[in-house]
Amino acid sequence: MVADAPVIAVDGPGGSGKGTITQMLARRLGWHLLDSGALYRLTALAAEQQRVAFDDEAGLVRVASSLDVAFEPTPAGEPVKVLLNGKDVTAAIRTETCGDNASKIAVIQPVRDALLQRQRDFQQSPGLVADGRDMGTVVFPNAPVKVFLTASVEERAQRRYRQLKDAGVSVNIDALLEEIRARDERDTNRSAAPLKPAEDAQVIDSTGLSIEEVLDRVMALAGQA
């Protein structure tokens, strides 16, 4: 970790556009990228691969502590490439099941503790764009720029629906809407680092905005980093 390397922390609920914005921002600035949510998904996937139960706290901590993970940049519009033990697991960690499992283990404080330092180690020169749900409140509380990106539940469900349909996945919009609402409820009310804007975060509602419009707003804030 390079303590003086600037950090732009981008938090918000799933489907708010964080992943797309942070990748575009990291490319534009030439900075490193941290997809913190992927770490929880990777822990969930690795636990499943190692047959560690999601109620086995000690086992989950062991899995989280030994993750061999790397992020690789991809062309604009594509999700960041995620490697687990050198294997591309980008698609495997983006399923709804993996996301739901990740949300479940994210409430376990010892697992969060195991992943905290690993996240902070991504802070390297020339700078870091950190994508997550507690980047500005817990992981990088001293980040000079903090953004909380959100959107209506309906908008986020539609975005996820289109994404899955484009990928050839059969999905029910009503079921997807309920899943997102349930996840929001769990993430907002969890005792460990609940999903909320940092006190000094700039809140951006992306409902009805294009990706370019959101990026322009965040880029304007990035000048303060």
C-alpha atoms as a PDB file:
ATOM      1  CA  MET A   1       0.000   0.000   0.000  1.00  0.00           C
ATOM      2  CA  VAL A   2       1.191   3.510  -0.851  1.00  0.00           C
ATOM      3  CA  ALA A   3      -0.528   5.663   1.769  1.00  0.00           C
ATOM      4  CA  ASP A   4      -0.229   8.910  -0.200  1.00  0.00           C
ATOM      5  CA  ALA A   5      -1.619   7.478  -3.451  1.00  0.00           C
ATOM      6  CA  PRO A   6      -4.987   9.191  -4.067  1.00  0.00           C
ATOM      7  CA  VAL A   7      -8.204   7.180  -3.892  1.00  0.00           C
ATOM      8  CA  ILE A   8     -11.578   7.817  -5.485  1.00  0.00           C
ATOM      9  CA  ALA A   9     -14.129   5.755  -3.549  1.00  0.00           C
ATOM     10  CA  VAL A  10     -17.323   4.910  -5.432  1.00  0.00           C
ATOM     11  CA  ASP A  11     -20.040   3.242  -3.369  1.00  0.00           C
ATOM     12  CA  GLY A  12     -23.677   2.367  -3.990  1.00  0.00           C
ATOM     13  CA  PRO A  13     -26.165  -0.477  -4.409  1.00  0.00           C
ATOM     14  CA  GLY A  14     -25.924  -3.144  -7.094  1.00  0.00           C
ATOM     15  CA  GLY A  15     -27.086  -2.017 -10.523  1.00  0.00           C
ATOM     16  CA  SER A  16     -26.340   1.643  -9.928  1.00  0.00           C
ATOM     17  CA  GLY A  17     -23.636   1.664 -12.603  1.00  0.00           C
ATOM     18  CA  LYS A  18     -20.616   1.581 -10.285  1.00  0.00           C
ATOM     19  CA  GLY A  19     -18.784  -1.106 -12.246  1.00  0.00           C
ATOM     20  CA  THR A  20     -19.049   0.655 -15.581  1.00  0.00           C
ATOM     21  CA  ILE A  21     -18.225   4.083 -14.176  1.00  0.00           C
ATOM     22  CA  THR A  22     -15.224   2.951 -12.136  1.00  0.00           C
ATOM     23  CA  GLN A  23     -13.691   1.083 -15.074  1.00  0.00           C
ATOM     24  CA  MET A  24     -14.134   4.076 -17.372  1.00  0.00           C
ATOM     25  CA  LEU A  25     -12.757   6.369 -14.686  1.00  0.00           C
ATOM     26  CA  ALA A  26      -9.718   4.151 -14.055  1.00  0.00           C
ATOM     27  CA  ARG A  27      -8.976   4.017 -17.787  1.00  0.00           C
ATOM     28  CA  ARG A  28      -9.399   7.753 -18.205  1.00  0.00           C
ATOM     29  CA  LEU A  29      -7.058   8.507 -15.292  1.00  0.00           C
ATOM     30  CA  GLY A  30      -4.663   5.609 -15.842  1.00  0.00           C
ATOM     31  CA  TRP A  31      -5.201   4.454 -12.226  1.00  0.00           C
ATOM     32  CA  HIS A  32      -5.520   1.057 -10.597  1.00  0.00           C
ATOM     33  CA  LEU A  33      -8.973  -0.466 -10.107  1.00  0.00           C
ATOM     34  CA  LEU A  34     -10.453  -2.334  -7.162  1.00  0.00           C
ATOM     35  CA  ASP A  35     -13.749  -4.156  -7.558  1.00  0.00           C
ATOM     36  CA  SER A  36     -14.299  -4.848  -3.872  1.00  0.00           C
ATOM     37  CA  GLY A  37     -17.619  -6.573  -4.462  1.00  0.00           C
ATOM     38  CA  ALA A  38     -15.757  -9.130  -6.551  1.00  0.00           C
ATOM     39  CA  LEU A  39     -13.705 -10.066  -3.499  1.00  0.00           C
ATOM     40  CA  TYR A  40     -16.832 -11.150  -1.661  1.00  0.00           C
ATOM     41  CA  ARG A  41     -18.096 -12.950  -4.752  1.00  0.00           C
ATOM     42  CA  LEU A  42     -14.675 -14.602  -5.116  1.00  0.00           C
ATOM     43  CA  THR A  43     -14.796 -15.698  -1.493  1.00  0.00           C
ATOM     44  CA  ALA A  44     -18.260 -17.159  -2.076  1.00  0.00           C
ATOM     45  CA  LEU A  45     -17.110 -18.942  -5.234  1.00  0.00           C
ATOM     46  CA  ALA A  46     -13.912 -20.249  -3.642  1.00  0.00           C
ATOM     47  CA  ALA A  47     -15.878 -21.450  -0.608  1.00  0.00           C
ATOM     48  CA  GLU A  48     -18.245 -23.311  -2.895  1.00  0.00           C
ATOM     49  CA  GLN A  49     -15.334 -24.839  -4.810  1.00  0.00           C
ATOM     50  CA  GLN A  50     -13.681 -25.895  -1.551  1.00  0.00           C
ATOM     51  CA  ARG A  51     -17.000 -27.134  -0.147  1.00  0.00           C
ATOM     52  CA  VAL A  52     -16.947 -24.723   2.767  1.00  0.00           C
ATOM     53  CA  ALA A  53     -20.452 -24.097   4.134  1.00  0.00           C
ATOM     54  CA  PHE A  54     -21.699 -20.516   4.248  1.00  0.00           C
ATOM     55  CA  ASP A  55     -22.348 -20.869   7.982  1.00  0.00           C
ATOM     56  CA  ASP A  56     -18.780 -22.093   8.638  1.00  0.00           C
ATOM     57  CA  GLU A  57     -17.313 -18.804   9.851  1.00  0.00           C
ATOM     58  CA  ALA A  58     -13.788 -20.122  10.466  1.00  0.00           C
ATOM     59  CA  GLY A  59     -13.743 -21.835   7.088  1.00  0.00           C
ATOM     60  CA  LEU A  60     -14.908 -18.708   5.305  1.00  0.00           C
ATOM     61  CA  VAL A  61     -12.221 -16.625   7.024  1.00  0.00           C
ATOM     62  CA  ARG A  62      -9.594 -19.137   5.885  1.00  0.00           C
ATOM     63  CA  VAL A  63     -10.875 -18.945   2.319  1.00  0.00           C
ATOM     64  CA  ALA A  64     -10.940 -15.133   2.358  1.00  0.00           C
ATOM     65  CA  SER A  65      -7.430 -14.923   3.796  1.00  0.00           C
ATOM     66  CA  SER A  66      -5.910 -17.155   1.132  1.00  0.00           C
ATOM     67  CA  LEU A  67      -7.568 -15.742  -2.002  1.00  0.00           C
ATOM     68  CA  ASP A  68      -5.201 -15.528  -4.970  1.00  0.00           C
ATOM     69  CA  VAL A  69      -6.954 -12.806  -6.981  1.00  0.00           C
ATOM     70  CA  ALA A  70      -6.043 -10.362  -9.718  1.00  0.00           C
ATOM     71  CA  PHE A  71      -7.981  -7.824 -11.799  1.00  0.00           C
ATOM     72  CA  GLU A  72      -7.133  -7.180 -15.446  1.00  0.00           C
ATOM     73  CA  PRO A  73      -8.435  -4.268 -17.552  1.00  0.00           C
ATOM     74  CA  THR A  74     -10.784  -5.034 -20.450  1.00  0.00           C
ATOM     75  CA  PRO A  75     -12.088  -3.046 -23.445  1.00  0.00           C
ATOM     76  CA  ALA A  76     -14.663  -0.351 -22.729  1.00  0.00           C
ATOM     77  CA  GLY A  77     -18.128  -1.717 -22.006  1.00  0.00           C
ATOM     78  CA  GLU A  78     -16.939  -5.090 -20.738  1.00  0.00           C
ATOM     79  CA  PRO A  79     -16.703  -6.165 -17.081  1.00  0.00           C
ATOM     80  CA  VAL A  80     -13.273  -6.185 -15.471  1.00  0.00           C
ATOM     81  CA  LYS A  81     -11.500  -9.508 -15.972  1.00  0.00           C
ATOM     82  CA  VAL A  82     -11.233 -11.336 -12.661  1.00  0.00           C
ATOM     83  CA  LEU A  83      -8.732 -14.123 -12.066  1.00  0.00           C
ATOM     84  CA  LEU A  84      -8.906 -16.621  -9.210  1.00  0.00           C
ATOM     85  CA  ASN A  85      -5.803 -18.789  -8.897  1.00  0.00           C
ATOM     86  CA  GLY A  86      -4.911 -17.662 -12.412  1.00  0.00           C
ATOM     87  CA  LYS A  87      -8.239 -18.819 -13.891  1.00  0.00           C
ATOM     88  CA  ASP A  88     -10.739 -16.443 -15.480  1.00  0.00           C
ATOM     89  CA  VAL A  89     -13.847 -16.525 -13.302  1.00  0.00           C
ATOM     90  CA  THR A  90     -15.408 -13.268 -14.528  1.00  0.00           C
ATOM     91  CA  ALA A  91     -18.634 -14.940 -15.651  1.00  0.00           C
ATOM     92  CA  ALA A  92     -18.794 -17.382 -12.744  1.00  0.00           C
ATOM     93  CA  ILE A  93     -18.845 -14.653 -10.082  1.00  0.00           C
ATOM     94  CA  ARG A  94     -21.476 -12.542 -11.860  1.00  0.00           C
ATOM     95  CA  THR A  95     -24.354 -14.982 -11.509  1.00  0.00           C
ATOM     96  CA  GLU A  96     -27.299 -14.026  -9.297  1.00  0.00           C
ATOM     97  CA  THR A  97     -26.604 -17.038  -7.079  1.00  0.00           C
ATOM     98  CA  CYS A  98     -23.010 -16.010  -6.473  1.00  0.00           C
ATOM     99  CA  GLY A  99     -24.101 -12.440  -5.811  1.00  0.00           C
ATOM    100  CA  ASP A 100     -26.671 -13.598  -3.280  1.00  0.00           C
ATOM    101  CA  ASN A 101     -24.106 -15.815  -1.540  1.00  0.00           C
ATOM    102  CA  ALA A 102     -21.626 -12.933  -1.468  1.00  0.00           C
ATOM    103  CA  SER A 103     -24.214 -10.688   0.175  1.00  0.00           C
ATOM    104  CA  LYS A 104     -24.776 -13.332   2.831  1.00  0.00           C
ATOM    105  CA  ILE A 105     -21.127 -13.707   3.781  1.00  0.00           C
ATOM    106  CA  ALA A 106     -20.559  -9.940   3.630  1.00  0.00           C
ATOM    107  CA  VAL A 107     -22.464  -9.598   6.926  1.00  0.00           C
ATOM    108  CA  ILE A 108     -19.900 -11.780   8.742  1.00  0.00           C
ATOM    109  CA  GLN A 109     -17.466  -9.395  10.438  1.00  0.00           C
ATOM    110  CA  PRO A 110     -14.458 -11.781  10.630  1.00  0.00           C
ATOM    111  CA  VAL A 111     -14.719 -12.306   6.860  1.00  0.00           C
ATOM    112  CA  ARG A 112     -14.829  -8.547   6.321  1.00  0.00           C
ATOM    113  CA  ASP A 113     -11.774  -8.175   8.568  1.00  0.00           C
ATOM    114  CA  ALA A 114      -9.887 -10.788   6.555  1.00  0.00           C
ATOM    115  CA  LEU A 115     -10.566  -8.923   3.323  1.00  0.00           C
ATOM    116  CA  LEU A 116     -10.035  -5.390   4.662  1.00  0.00           C
ATOM    117  CA  GLN A 117      -6.241  -5.261   4.451  1.00  0.00           C
ATOM    118  CA  ARG A 118      -6.293  -6.991   1.079  1.00  0.00           C
ATOM    119  CA  GLN A 119      -8.494  -4.192  -0.244  1.00  0.00           C
ATOM    120  CA  ARG A 120      -6.231  -1.508   1.200  1.00  0.00           C
ATOM    121  CA  ASP A 121      -3.224  -3.109  -0.474  1.00  0.00           C
ATOM    122  CA  PHE A 122      -4.676  -2.031  -3.826  1.00  0.00           C
ATOM    123  CA  GLN A 123      -3.837   1.593  -2.952  1.00  0.00           C
ATOM    124  CA  GLN A 124      -0.835   2.118  -5.219  1.00  0.00           C
ATOM    125  CA  SER A 125       0.573   4.977  -7.296  1.00  0.00           C
ATOM    126  CA  PRO A 126      -0.523   6.761  -9.379  1.00  0.00           C
ATOM    127  CA  GLY A 127      -3.933   6.273  -7.743  1.00  0.00           C
ATOM    128  CA  LEU A 128      -6.853   3.926  -7.135  1.00  0.00           C
ATOM    129  CA  VAL A 129     -10.489   3.897  -8.156  1.00  0.00           C
ATOM    130  CA  ALA A 130     -12.290   1.733  -5.591  1.00  0.00           C
ATOM    131  CA  ASP A 131     -15.720   0.287  -6.377  1.00  0.00           C
ATOM    132  CA  GLY A 132     -17.816  -1.062  -3.532  1.00  0.00           C
ATOM    133  CA  ARG A 133     -20.377  -0.507  -0.803  1.00  0.00           C
ATOM    134  CA  ASP A 134     -18.195   0.639   2.089  1.00  0.00           C
ATOM    135  CA  MET A 135     -15.147   2.091   0.343  1.00  0.00           C
ATOM    136  CA  GLY A 136     -15.725   5.608   1.635  1.00  0.00           C
ATOM    137  CA  THR A 137     -17.065   4.655   5.057  1.00  0.00           C
ATOM    138  CA  VAL A 138     -14.740   1.818   6.116  1.00  0.00           C
ATOM    139  CA  VAL A 139     -11.963   0.826   3.704  1.00  0.00           C
ATOM    140  CA  PHE A 140     -10.715   4.248   2.610  1.00  0.00           C
ATOM    141  CA  PRO A 141     -12.280   6.727   5.060  1.00  0.00           C
ATOM    142  CA  ASN A 142      -9.635   9.337   4.174  1.00  0.00           C
ATOM    143  CA  ALA A 143     -10.196   9.166   0.411  1.00  0.00           C
ATOM    144  CA  PRO A 144     -10.168  12.733  -0.985  1.00  0.00           C
ATOM    145  CA  VAL A 145     -13.089  11.967  -3.304  1.00  0.00           C
ATOM    146  CA  LYS A 146     -16.110   9.879  -2.321  1.00  0.00           C
ATOM    147  CA  VAL A 147     -19.092   9.205  -4.547  1.00  0.00           C
ATOM    148  CA  PHE A 148     -22.305   7.393  -3.644  1.00  0.00           C
ATOM    149  CA  LEU A 149     -23.910   6.293  -6.903  1.00  0.00           C
ATOM    150  CA  THR A 150     -27.517   5.165  -6.759  1.00  0.00           C
ATOM    151  CA  ALA A 151     -30.626   4.675  -8.917  1.00  0.00           C
ATOM    152  CA  SER A 152     -34.219   3.611  -8.368  1.00  0.00           C
ATOM    153  CA  VAL A 153     -34.901  -0.069  -7.732  1.00  0.00           C
ATOM    154  CA  GLU A 154     -36.964  -0.224 -10.934  1.00  0.00           C
ATOM    155  CA  GLU A 155     -34.157   1.291 -12.990  1.00  0.00           C
ATOM    156  CA  ARG A 156     -31.586  -1.081 -11.549  1.00  0.00           C
ATOM    157  CA  ALA A 157     -33.816  -4.101 -12.168  1.00  0.00           C
ATOM    158  CA  GLN A 158     -34.318  -3.049 -15.795  1.00  0.00           C
ATOM    159  CA  ARG A 159     -30.573  -2.615 -16.296  1.00  0.00           C
ATOM    160  CA  ARG A 160     -29.843  -6.041 -14.852  1.00  0.00           C
ATOM    161  CA  TYR A 161     -32.684  -7.559 -16.873  1.00  0.00           C
ATOM    162  CA  ARG A 162     -31.280  -6.157 -20.134  1.00  0.00           C
ATOM    163  CA  GLN A 163     -27.770  -7.272 -19.199  1.00  0.00           C
ATOM    164  CA  LEU A 164     -28.883 -10.833 -18.532  1.00  0.00           C
ATOM    165  CA  LYS A 165     -31.097 -10.994 -21.621  1.00  0.00           C
ATOM    166  CA  ASP A 166     -28.218  -9.761 -23.788  1.00  0.00           C
ATOM    167  CA  ALA A 167     -26.107 -12.537 -22.306  1.00  0.00           C
ATOM    168  CA  GLY A 168     -28.757 -15.079 -23.294  1.00  0.00           C
ATOM    169  CA  VAL A 169     -29.931 -15.730 -19.736  1.00  0.00           C
ATOM    170  CA  SER A 170     -33.638 -16.335 -19.144  1.00  0.00           C
ATOM    171  CA  VAL A 171     -34.855 -14.090 -16.330  1.00  0.00           C
ATOM    172  CA  ASN A 172     -38.135 -12.871 -14.853  1.00  0.00           C
ATOM    173  CA  ILE A 173     -38.236  -9.115 -14.268  1.00  0.00           C
ATOM    174  CA  ASP A 174     -40.600  -9.357 -11.273  1.00  0.00           C
ATOM    175  CA  ALA A 175     -38.420 -11.960  -9.561  1.00  0.00           C
ATOM    176  CA  LEU A 176     -35.340  -9.866 -10.304  1.00  0.00           C
ATOM    177  CA  LEU A 177     -37.004  -6.805  -8.799  1.00  0.00           C
ATOM    178  CA  GLU A 178     -37.787  -8.679  -5.592  1.00  0.00           C
ATOM    179  CA  GLU A 179     -34.242 -10.055  -5.386  1.00  0.00           C
ATOM    180  CA  ILE A 180     -32.775  -6.573  -5.673  1.00  0.00           C
ATOM    181  CA  ARG A 181     -35.155  -5.208  -3.038  1.00  0.00           C
ATOM    182  CA  ALA A 182     -34.284  -8.048  -0.675  1.00  0.00           C
ATOM    183  CA  ARG A 183     -30.562  -7.512  -1.201  1.00  0.00           C
ATOM    184  CA  ASP A 184     -30.925  -3.769  -0.621  1.00  0.00           C
ATOM    185  CA  GLU A 185     -32.786  -4.467   2.616  1.00  0.00           C
ATOM    186  CA  ARG A 186     -30.112  -6.889   3.802  1.00  0.00           C
ATOM    187  CA  ASP A 187     -27.210  -4.633   2.828  1.00  0.00           C
ATOM    188  CA  THR A 188     -28.754  -1.470   4.284  1.00  0.00           C
ATOM    189  CA  ASN A 189     -29.687  -3.027   7.627  1.00  0.00           C
ATOM    190  CA  ARG A 190     -26.685  -5.265   8.265  1.00  0.00           C
ATOM    191  CA  SER A 191     -24.750  -4.516  11.454  1.00  0.00           C
ATOM    192  CA  ALA A 192     -21.357  -4.769   9.732  1.00  0.00           C
ATOM    193  CA  ALA A 193     -20.687  -1.688   7.567  1.00  0.00           C
ATOM    194  CA  PRO A 194     -24.252  -1.100   6.335  1.00  0.00           C
ATOM    195  CA  LEU A 195     -24.705   0.351   2.862  1.00  0.00           C
ATOM    196  CA  LYS A 196     -24.944   4.132   3.244  1.00  0.00           C
ATOM    197  CA  PRO A 197     -23.224   7.246   1.879  1.00  0.00           C
ATOM    198  CA  ALA A 198     -20.202   8.533   3.770  1.00  0.00           C
ATOM    199  CA  GLU A 199     -20.940  11.842   5.448  1.00  0.00           C
ATOM    200  CA  ASP A 200     -18.641  13.627   2.996  1.00  0.00           C
ATOM    201  CA  ALA A 201     -19.724  11.687  -0.116  1.00  0.00           C
ATOM    202  CA  GLN A 202     -21.284  13.272  -3.185  1.00  0.00           C
ATOM    203  CA  VAL A 203     -24.553  11.439  -3.926  1.00  0.00           C
ATOM    204  CA  ILE A 204     -25.330  10.951  -7.626  1.00  0.00           C
ATOM    205  CA  ASP A 205     -28.681   9.475  -8.699  1.00  0.00           C
ATOM    206  CA  SER A 206     -28.097   7.896 -12.111  1.00  0.00           C
ATOM    207  CA  THR A 207     -31.804   7.239 -12.798  1.00  0.00           C
ATOM    208  CA  GLY A 208     -32.490   8.575 -16.264  1.00  0.00           C
ATOM    209  CA  LEU A 209     -28.867   9.604 -16.847  1.00  0.00           C
ATOM    210  CA  SER A 210     -26.572   8.201 -19.532  1.00  0.00           C
ATOM    211  CA  ILE A 211     -23.253   6.615 -18.600  1.00  0.00           C
ATOM    212  CA  GLU A 212     -21.477   9.572 -20.193  1.00  0.00           C
ATOM    213  CA  GLU A 213     -23.454  12.056 -18.085  1.00  0.00           C
ATOM    214  CA  VAL A 214     -22.589  10.192 -14.892  1.00  0.00           C
ATOM    215  CA  LEU A 215     -18.925   9.893 -15.910  1.00  0.00           C
ATOM    216  CA  ASP A 216     -18.732  13.628 -16.569  1.00  0.00           C
ATOM    217  CA  ARG A 217     -20.043  14.346 -13.074  1.00  0.00           C
ATOM    218  CA  VAL A 218     -17.572  11.969 -11.432  1.00  0.00           C
ATOM    219  CA  MET A 219     -14.677  13.242 -13.560  1.00  0.00           C
ATOM    220  CA  ALA A 220     -15.440  16.762 -12.348  1.00  0.00           C
ATOM    221  CA  LEU A 221     -15.094  15.494  -8.778  1.00  0.00           C
ATOM    222  CA  ALA A 222     -11.935  13.546  -9.663  1.00  0.00           C
ATOM    223  CA  GLY A 223     -10.117  16.834 -10.142  1.00  0.00           C
ATOM    224  CA  GLN A 224     -10.168  17.141  -6.353  1.00  0.00           C
ATOM    225  CA  ALA A 225      -8.191  13.897  -5.808  1.00  0.00           C
END
